[in-house]
Amino acid sequence: MYWWGPLVLIFAFMITEVCAWAAHKYLMHGAMWFFHSDHHVVEEGPFFERNDVFFLIFAIPSWLGIMLGIIYQYYFFVWFGFGIAAYGLAYFLIHDVFIHRRFKWIRDIDTPYFLAIRKAHKVHHKHQQKEHGECFGMLWVPRKYYKEAKKAFALKKGNA
């Protein structure tokens, strides 16, 4: 019935990565550093971080899009809300589970792309203050890290 719905979902997912990058660079490492700073602390802290408040920043527009879209039958917003929610799920699985290992699942994904994601995130976390940060995205990593990971992967597998 709404053939365009999945396209809107994919578009929303991609836009959310761009918004997350900008929010990370300009808000989390700017005026909202208070909430994000504990995420850059090396020592083992409590399970929940102040940084987890950013979940709400992305969950609220998703929820509103889905709820209000259904109430007012504007299904574009429903699909857009689900796209934001899909990004939230990807963020949870990749960032919290795979990269930071807050849960003991998905530990050994061994592909160049996922190795590049971990490397870029490690580079981001080498700066423990809000200044001089780099690699603010989650899914789009600088090409140099992907090339390094691809080379390392080939060497590891004996395909060099």
N, C-alpha and C. Protein backbone atom coordinates (compact mmCIF):
# COMPACT_ATOMS: atom_id res chain seq x y z
N MET A 1 0.82 -1.19 0.00
CA MET A 1 0.00 0.00 0.00
C MET A 1 0.87 1.26 0.00
N TYR A 2 1.85 1.30 0.90
CA TYR A 2 2.78 2.44 0.93
C TYR A 2 4.14 1.95 0.46
N TRP A 3 4.30 1.80 -0.85
CA TRP A 3 5.53 1.27 -1.41
C TRP A 3 6.75 2.10 -1.05
N TRP A 4 6.53 3.38 -0.75
CA TRP A 4 7.62 4.30 -0.47
C TRP A 4 8.08 4.23 0.99
N GLY A 5 7.34 3.54 1.82
CA GLY A 5 7.65 3.48 3.25
C GLY A 5 9.07 3.00 3.56
N PRO A 6 9.48 1.85 3.02
CA PRO A 6 10.85 1.40 3.30
C PRO A 6 11.92 2.38 2.81
N LEU A 7 11.64 3.10 1.74
CA LEU A 7 12.59 4.12 1.26
C LEU A 7 12.72 5.26 2.28
N VAL A 8 11.59 5.66 2.85
CA VAL A 8 11.61 6.71 3.88
C VAL A 8 12.38 6.21 5.09
N LEU A 9 12.17 4.95 5.48
CA LEU A 9 12.88 4.37 6.62
C LEU A 9 14.40 4.41 6.39
N ILE A 10 14.84 3.99 5.22
CA ILE A 10 16.27 3.99 4.90
C ILE A 10 16.82 5.42 4.88
N PHE A 11 16.06 6.34 4.30
CA PHE A 11 16.46 7.75 4.26
C PHE A 11 16.60 8.29 5.68
N ALA A 12 15.61 8.00 6.54
CA ALA A 12 15.65 8.48 7.93
C ALA A 12 16.85 7.89 8.67
N PHE A 13 17.14 6.63 8.42
CA PHE A 13 18.30 5.97 9.03
C PHE A 13 19.58 6.72 8.66
N MET A 14 19.72 7.02 7.37
CA MET A 14 20.93 7.72 6.90
C MET A 14 21.00 9.15 7.44
N ILE A 15 19.88 9.84 7.47
CA ILE A 15 19.85 11.20 8.01
C ILE A 15 20.19 11.19 9.49
N THR A 16 19.75 10.17 10.19
CA THR A 16 20.05 10.08 11.63
C THR A 16 21.54 9.91 11.86
N GLU A 17 22.24 9.19 10.99
CA GLU A 17 23.70 9.09 11.13
C GLU A 17 24.34 10.46 10.98
N VAL A 18 23.87 11.27 10.03
CA VAL A 18 24.40 12.62 9.84
C VAL A 18 24.09 13.48 11.07
N CYS A 19 22.85 13.40 11.56
CA CYS A 19 22.46 14.16 12.75
C CYS A 19 23.24 13.71 13.98
N ALA A 20 23.46 12.41 14.11
CA ALA A 20 24.22 11.89 15.24
C ALA A 20 25.67 12.38 15.19
N TRP A 21 26.25 12.39 13.98
CA TRP A 21 27.61 12.91 13.82
C TRP A 21 27.67 14.37 14.27
N ALA A 22 26.74 15.19 13.79
CA ALA A 22 26.73 16.62 14.14
C ALA A 22 26.47 16.82 15.62
N ALA A 23 25.52 16.08 16.19
CA ALA A 23 25.24 16.20 17.62
C ALA A 23 26.46 15.79 18.43
N HIS A 24 27.13 14.74 18.00
CA HIS A 24 28.32 14.27 18.71
C HIS A 24 29.43 15.32 18.67
N LYS A 25 29.68 15.85 17.49
CA LYS A 25 30.77 16.81 17.33
C LYS A 25 30.47 18.16 18.00
N TYR A 26 29.28 18.69 17.78
CA TYR A 26 29.00 20.06 18.19
C TYR A 26 28.25 20.19 19.51
N LEU A 27 27.50 19.18 19.92
CA LEU A 27 26.79 19.26 21.19
C LEU A 27 27.49 18.46 22.28
N MET A 28 27.74 17.17 22.00
CA MET A 28 28.35 16.32 23.02
C MET A 28 29.77 16.77 23.35
N HIS A 29 30.49 17.24 22.36
CA HIS A 29 31.84 17.75 22.60
C HIS A 29 31.82 19.27 22.68
N GLY A 30 30.67 19.82 22.99
CA GLY A 30 30.49 21.27 23.14
C GLY A 30 29.71 21.54 24.41
N ALA A 31 28.55 22.19 24.26
CA ALA A 31 27.75 22.63 25.40
C ALA A 31 27.24 21.49 26.28
N MET A 32 27.12 20.29 25.72
CA MET A 32 26.59 19.16 26.50
C MET A 32 27.68 18.18 26.94
N TRP A 33 28.91 18.68 27.02
CA TRP A 33 30.04 17.85 27.42
C TRP A 33 29.82 17.23 28.80
N PHE A 34 29.15 17.93 29.70
CA PHE A 34 28.88 17.40 31.04
C PHE A 34 28.26 16.01 30.95
N PHE A 35 27.32 15.83 30.04
CA PHE A 35 26.64 14.54 29.90
C PHE A 35 27.50 13.50 29.19
N HIS A 36 28.36 13.95 28.29
CA HIS A 36 29.15 13.02 27.47
C HIS A 36 30.50 12.67 28.09
N SER A 37 31.00 13.52 28.98
CA SER A 37 32.38 13.36 29.48
C SER A 37 32.64 12.02 30.14
N ASP A 38 31.67 11.48 30.87
CA ASP A 38 31.93 10.20 31.55
C ASP A 38 32.09 9.05 30.55
N HIS A 39 31.66 9.25 29.33
CA HIS A 39 31.84 8.23 28.30
C HIS A 39 33.31 8.14 27.87
N HIS A 40 34.07 9.20 28.10
CA HIS A 40 35.49 9.22 27.72
C HIS A 40 36.42 8.88 28.88
N VAL A 41 35.86 8.52 30.02
CA VAL A 41 36.67 8.15 31.18
C VAL A 41 37.12 6.71 30.99
N VAL A 42 38.40 6.48 31.26
CA VAL A 42 38.98 5.15 31.02
C VAL A 42 38.58 4.13 32.07
N GLU A 43 38.56 4.52 33.34
CA GLU A 43 38.29 3.53 34.38
C GLU A 43 36.87 2.99 34.30
N GLU A 44 36.71 1.83 34.88
CA GLU A 44 35.42 1.15 34.89
C GLU A 44 34.50 1.88 35.85
N GLY A 45 33.38 2.30 35.36
CA GLY A 45 32.42 3.03 36.19
C GLY A 45 31.14 2.26 36.33
N PRO A 46 30.09 2.95 36.74
CA PRO A 46 28.80 2.27 36.85
C PRO A 46 28.29 1.86 35.46
N PHE A 47 27.34 0.95 35.44
CA PHE A 47 26.83 0.44 34.17
C PHE A 47 26.22 1.56 33.33
N PHE A 48 25.39 2.39 33.95
CA PHE A 48 24.80 3.52 33.23
C PHE A 48 25.70 4.73 33.34
N GLU A 49 25.78 5.49 32.27
CA GLU A 49 26.58 6.71 32.21
C GLU A 49 25.64 7.89 32.02
N ARG A 50 26.10 9.08 32.39
CA ARG A 50 25.32 10.29 32.07
C ARG A 50 25.11 10.37 30.56
N ASN A 51 26.08 9.88 29.81
CA ASN A 51 26.02 9.88 28.35
C ASN A 51 24.77 9.17 27.81
N ASP A 52 24.23 8.24 28.58
CA ASP A 52 23.06 7.50 28.13
C ASP A 52 21.82 8.39 27.98
N VAL A 53 21.86 9.60 28.49
CA VAL A 53 20.75 10.54 28.32
C VAL A 53 20.52 10.86 26.85
N PHE A 54 21.56 10.73 26.03
CA PHE A 54 21.41 11.03 24.61
C PHE A 54 20.48 10.04 23.91
N PHE A 55 20.27 8.90 24.52
CA PHE A 55 19.27 7.96 24.00
C PHE A 55 17.93 8.67 23.85
N LEU A 56 17.58 9.47 24.85
CA LEU A 56 16.29 10.18 24.81
C LEU A 56 16.23 11.22 23.71
N ILE A 57 17.36 11.86 23.45
CA ILE A 57 17.39 12.90 22.42
C ILE A 57 16.98 12.33 21.07
N PHE A 58 17.35 11.09 20.80
CA PHE A 58 16.97 10.46 19.54
C PHE A 58 15.69 9.64 19.66
N ALA A 59 15.40 9.12 20.85
CA ALA A 59 14.20 8.30 21.01
C ALA A 59 12.93 9.14 20.97
N ILE A 60 12.97 10.34 21.51
CA ILE A 60 11.76 11.17 21.56
C ILE A 60 11.25 11.53 20.16
N PRO A 61 12.10 12.03 19.24
CA PRO A 61 11.57 12.30 17.90
C PRO A 61 11.07 11.03 17.19
N SER A 62 11.72 9.90 17.44
CA SER A 62 11.28 8.64 16.86
C SER A 62 9.88 8.30 17.36
N TRP A 63 9.71 8.34 18.65
CA TRP A 63 8.43 8.02 19.28
C TRP A 63 7.34 8.99 18.81
N LEU A 64 7.66 10.28 18.79
CA LEU A 64 6.67 11.27 18.34
C LEU A 64 6.28 11.06 16.88
N GLY A 65 7.27 10.78 16.03
CA GLY A 65 6.96 10.52 14.63
C GLY A 65 6.04 9.34 14.44
N ILE A 66 6.33 8.26 15.15
CA ILE A 66 5.50 7.05 15.04
C ILE A 66 4.11 7.32 15.62
N MET A 67 4.05 7.85 16.83
CA MET A 67 2.77 8.05 17.50
C MET A 67 1.89 9.07 16.78
N LEU A 68 2.43 10.25 16.51
CA LEU A 68 1.63 11.28 15.87
C LEU A 68 1.31 10.92 14.42
N GLY A 69 2.24 10.24 13.76
CA GLY A 69 1.97 9.79 12.39
C GLY A 69 0.80 8.82 12.35
N ILE A 70 0.72 7.93 13.32
CA ILE A 70 -0.40 6.98 13.39
C ILE A 70 -1.69 7.72 13.75
N ILE A 71 -1.62 8.58 14.77
CA ILE A 71 -2.83 9.31 15.20
C ILE A 71 -3.42 10.13 14.06
N TYR A 72 -2.57 10.86 13.35
CA TYR A 72 -3.05 11.77 12.29
C TYR A 72 -2.97 11.16 10.88
N GLN A 73 -2.61 9.90 10.82
CA GLN A 73 -2.51 9.15 9.57
C GLN A 73 -1.59 9.82 8.53
N TYR A 74 -0.46 10.33 9.03
CA TYR A 74 0.62 10.82 8.17
C TYR A 74 1.72 9.77 8.21
N TYR A 75 1.60 8.80 7.32
CA TYR A 75 2.45 7.62 7.42
C TYR A 75 3.90 7.88 7.05
N PHE A 76 4.17 8.98 6.39
CA PHE A 76 5.57 9.37 6.15
C PHE A 76 6.30 9.48 7.49
N PHE A 77 5.64 10.12 8.48
CA PHE A 77 6.26 10.32 9.79
C PHE A 77 6.39 9.01 10.57
N VAL A 78 5.47 8.10 10.34
CA VAL A 78 5.56 6.78 10.97
C VAL A 78 6.82 6.08 10.46
N TRP A 79 6.99 6.04 9.15
CA TRP A 79 8.17 5.39 8.57
C TRP A 79 9.44 6.11 8.98
N PHE A 80 9.39 7.44 9.02
CA PHE A 80 10.57 8.21 9.43
C PHE A 80 10.92 7.89 10.88
N GLY A 81 9.92 7.83 11.74
CA GLY A 81 10.15 7.47 13.14
C GLY A 81 10.75 6.09 13.29
N PHE A 82 10.28 5.14 12.46
CA PHE A 82 10.86 3.80 12.51
C PHE A 82 12.30 3.79 11.97
N GLY A 83 12.60 4.68 11.04
CA GLY A 83 13.99 4.81 10.56
C GLY A 83 14.92 5.28 11.66
N ILE A 84 14.45 6.26 12.45
CA ILE A 84 15.24 6.74 13.59
C ILE A 84 15.40 5.61 14.61
N ALA A 85 14.32 4.88 14.85
CA ALA A 85 14.37 3.76 15.80
C ALA A 85 15.33 2.67 15.31
N ALA A 86 15.33 2.40 14.01
CA ALA A 86 16.26 1.40 13.45
C ALA A 86 17.70 1.84 13.67
N TYR A 87 17.96 3.14 13.51
CA TYR A 87 19.30 3.65 13.78
C TYR A 87 19.64 3.46 15.27
N GLY A 88 18.68 3.73 16.13
CA GLY A 88 18.89 3.54 17.57
C GLY A 88 19.25 2.10 17.90
N LEU A 89 18.59 1.16 17.26
CA LEU A 89 18.90 -0.26 17.46
C LEU A 89 20.31 -0.56 16.95
N ALA A 90 20.65 -0.04 15.77
CA ALA A 90 22.00 -0.24 15.22
C ALA A 90 23.03 0.38 16.15
N TYR A 91 22.76 1.56 16.66
CA TYR A 91 23.67 2.23 17.59
C TYR A 91 23.89 1.36 18.82
N PHE A 92 22.81 0.87 19.40
CA PHE A 92 22.92 0.03 20.58
C PHE A 92 23.77 -1.21 20.30
N LEU A 93 23.47 -1.90 19.20
CA LEU A 93 24.19 -3.13 18.89
C LEU A 93 25.65 -2.88 18.52
N ILE A 94 25.91 -1.85 17.75
CA ILE A 94 27.28 -1.59 17.30
C ILE A 94 28.09 -0.86 18.36
N HIS A 95 27.55 0.23 18.89
CA HIS A 95 28.31 1.06 19.83
C HIS A 95 28.38 0.44 21.22
N ASP A 96 27.23 0.14 21.79
CA ASP A 96 27.22 -0.34 23.18
C ASP A 96 27.61 -1.80 23.31
N VAL A 97 27.17 -2.64 22.37
CA VAL A 97 27.45 -4.07 22.47
C VAL A 97 28.78 -4.44 21.82
N PHE A 98 28.96 -4.09 20.54
CA PHE A 98 30.16 -4.51 19.82
C PHE A 98 31.40 -3.71 20.20
N ILE A 99 31.31 -2.38 20.22
CA ILE A 99 32.51 -1.56 20.46
C ILE A 99 32.85 -1.51 21.95
N HIS A 100 31.91 -1.10 22.78
CA HIS A 100 32.20 -0.92 24.21
C HIS A 100 31.95 -2.17 25.05
N ARG A 101 31.36 -3.18 24.47
CA ARG A 101 31.17 -4.48 25.12
C ARG A 101 30.45 -4.36 26.47
N ARG A 102 29.41 -3.54 26.47
CA ARG A 102 28.61 -3.39 27.68
C ARG A 102 27.76 -4.64 27.93
N PHE A 103 27.62 -5.45 26.91
CA PHE A 103 26.93 -6.74 27.02
C PHE A 103 27.84 -7.78 26.37
N LYS A 104 27.66 -9.02 26.70
CA LYS A 104 28.57 -10.06 26.22
C LYS A 104 28.05 -10.76 24.96
N TRP A 105 27.48 -10.01 24.05
CA TRP A 105 27.07 -10.58 22.78
C TRP A 105 27.87 -9.90 21.69
N ILE A 106 27.80 -10.41 20.51
CA ILE A 106 28.40 -9.80 19.30
C ILE A 106 29.83 -9.34 19.55
N ARG A 107 30.69 -10.21 19.98
CA ARG A 107 32.06 -9.82 20.28
C ARG A 107 33.02 -10.03 19.13
N ASP A 108 32.78 -11.01 18.32
CA ASP A 108 33.80 -11.42 17.36
C ASP A 108 33.36 -11.28 15.90
N ILE A 109 32.85 -10.14 15.54
CA ILE A 109 32.56 -9.89 14.13
C ILE A 109 33.90 -9.53 13.50
N ASP A 110 34.34 -10.35 12.59
CA ASP A 110 35.69 -10.20 12.04
C ASP A 110 35.62 -9.88 10.55
N THR A 111 35.26 -8.64 10.25
CA THR A 111 35.24 -8.17 8.87
C THR A 111 35.97 -6.84 8.81
N PRO A 112 36.51 -6.46 7.67
CA PRO A 112 37.22 -5.18 7.57
C PRO A 112 36.36 -3.99 8.00
N TYR A 113 35.09 -3.99 7.62
CA TYR A 113 34.23 -2.85 7.96
C TYR A 113 34.09 -2.70 9.47
N PHE A 114 33.81 -3.79 10.18
CA PHE A 114 33.64 -3.71 11.63
C PHE A 114 34.96 -3.45 12.34
N LEU A 115 36.06 -3.96 11.81
CA LEU A 115 37.37 -3.63 12.37
C LEU A 115 37.65 -2.14 12.21
N ALA A 116 37.25 -1.56 11.08
CA ALA A 116 37.43 -0.12 10.84
C ALA A 116 36.57 0.70 11.79
N ILE A 117 35.35 0.25 12.05
CA ILE A 117 34.49 0.96 13.00
C ILE A 117 35.14 0.98 14.38
N ARG A 118 35.66 -0.17 14.82
CA ARG A 118 36.31 -0.22 16.15
C ARG A 118 37.54 0.68 16.19
N LYS A 119 38.34 0.67 15.13
CA LYS A 119 39.55 1.50 15.08
C LYS A 119 39.18 2.98 15.15
N ALA A 120 38.21 3.42 14.34
CA ALA A 120 37.81 4.83 14.34
C ALA A 120 37.30 5.24 15.71
N HIS A 121 36.57 4.36 16.36
CA HIS A 121 36.04 4.69 17.68
C HIS A 121 37.17 4.75 18.71
N LYS A 122 38.14 3.87 18.57
CA LYS A 122 39.30 3.89 19.46
C LYS A 122 40.07 5.20 19.28
N VAL A 123 40.23 5.64 18.04
CA VAL A 123 40.89 6.91 17.75
C VAL A 123 40.10 8.06 18.38
N HIS A 124 38.77 7.98 18.31
CA HIS A 124 37.95 9.01 18.94
C HIS A 124 38.19 9.07 20.44
N HIS A 125 38.28 7.92 21.07
CA HIS A 125 38.40 7.86 22.53
C HIS A 125 39.82 8.12 23.04
N LYS A 126 40.79 8.24 22.15
CA LYS A 126 42.14 8.54 22.64
C LYS A 126 42.18 9.95 23.24
N HIS A 127 41.23 10.79 22.85
CA HIS A 127 41.12 12.14 23.42
C HIS A 127 40.10 12.07 24.56
N GLN A 128 40.57 12.32 25.77
CA GLN A 128 39.67 12.21 26.92
C GLN A 128 39.05 13.55 27.30
N GLN A 129 39.39 14.58 26.58
CA GLN A 129 38.77 15.89 26.81
C GLN A 129 37.89 16.21 25.60
N LYS A 130 37.13 17.29 25.72
CA LYS A 130 36.20 17.59 24.62
C LYS A 130 36.89 18.17 23.40
N GLU A 131 38.08 18.71 23.55
CA GLU A 131 38.79 19.31 22.42
C GLU A 131 39.58 18.25 21.65
N HIS A 132 39.93 18.59 20.43
CA HIS A 132 40.80 17.79 19.55
C HIS A 132 40.22 16.43 19.18
N GLY A 133 38.91 16.30 19.23
CA GLY A 133 38.29 15.03 18.88
C GLY A 133 38.33 14.77 17.38
N GLU A 134 38.16 13.53 17.02
CA GLU A 134 38.06 13.12 15.62
C GLU A 134 37.18 11.89 15.54
N CYS A 135 36.77 11.54 14.36
CA CYS A 135 35.93 10.36 14.11
C CYS A 135 34.64 10.39 14.95
N PHE A 136 33.75 11.30 14.63
CA PHE A 136 32.52 11.47 15.40
C PHE A 136 31.37 10.60 14.92
N GLY A 137 31.48 9.99 13.77
CA GLY A 137 30.41 9.15 13.26
C GLY A 137 30.47 7.75 13.82
N MET A 138 29.43 6.97 13.56
CA MET A 138 29.44 5.59 14.02
C MET A 138 29.55 4.63 12.84
N LEU A 139 28.77 4.85 11.81
CA LEU A 139 28.73 3.90 10.70
C LEU A 139 29.61 4.31 9.52
N TRP A 140 29.79 5.61 9.32
CA TRP A 140 30.65 6.09 8.24
C TRP A 140 32.01 6.40 8.84
N VAL A 141 32.98 5.60 8.50
CA VAL A 141 34.32 5.78 9.05
C VAL A 141 35.24 6.33 7.96
N PRO A 142 36.28 7.05 8.37
CA PRO A 142 37.24 7.55 7.37
C PRO A 142 37.82 6.39 6.56
N ARG A 143 37.97 6.64 5.28
CA ARG A 143 38.44 5.61 4.35
C ARG A 143 39.78 5.00 4.79
N LYS A 144 40.66 5.83 5.39
CA LYS A 144 41.97 5.30 5.77
C LYS A 144 41.86 4.16 6.79
N TYR A 145 40.87 4.23 7.69
CA TYR A 145 40.71 3.15 8.66
C TYR A 145 40.15 1.90 8.00
N TYR A 146 39.29 2.09 7.02
CA TYR A 146 38.78 0.93 6.29
C TYR A 146 39.90 0.27 5.50
N LYS A 147 40.75 1.07 4.85
CA LYS A 147 41.87 0.51 4.08
C LYS A 147 42.82 -0.25 5.00
N GLU A 148 43.14 0.34 6.16
CA GLU A 148 44.01 -0.33 7.14
C GLU A 148 43.39 -1.65 7.59
N ALA A 149 42.11 -1.63 7.90
CA ALA A 149 41.43 -2.84 8.38
C ALA A 149 41.39 -3.90 7.29
N LYS A 150 41.17 -3.48 6.07
CA LYS A 150 41.12 -4.43 4.95
C LYS A 150 42.48 -5.10 4.76
N LYS A 151 43.54 -4.31 4.88
CA LYS A 151 44.90 -4.84 4.75
C LYS A 151 45.21 -5.81 5.89
N ALA A 152 44.88 -5.40 7.11
CA ALA A 152 45.13 -6.26 8.28
C ALA A 152 44.32 -7.55 8.18
N PHE A 153 43.10 -7.43 7.72
CA PHE A 153 42.23 -8.61 7.56
C PHE A 153 42.82 -9.58 6.55
N ALA A 154 43.31 -9.05 5.44
CA ALA A 154 43.92 -9.90 4.41
C ALA A 154 45.15 -10.59 4.93
N LEU A 155 45.99 -9.89 5.68
CA LEU A 155 47.19 -10.49 6.28
C LEU A 155 46.81 -11.59 7.26
N LYS A 156 45.81 -11.30 8.07
CA LYS A 156 45.36 -12.25 9.08
C LYS A 156 44.83 -13.53 8.44
N LYS A 157 44.13 -13.38 7.34
CA LYS A 157 43.55 -14.54 6.66
C LYS A 157 44.52 -15.20 5.68
N GLY A 158 45.71 -14.59 5.53
CA GLY A 158 46.71 -15.18 4.65
C GLY A 158 46.45 -14.92 3.18
N ASN A 159 45.73 -13.81 2.88
CA ASN A 159 45.38 -13.50 1.50
C ASN A 159 46.20 -12.34 0.95
N ALA A 160 47.29 -11.99 1.57
CA ALA A 160 48.04 -10.81 1.15
C ALA A 160 48.79 -11.05 -0.14
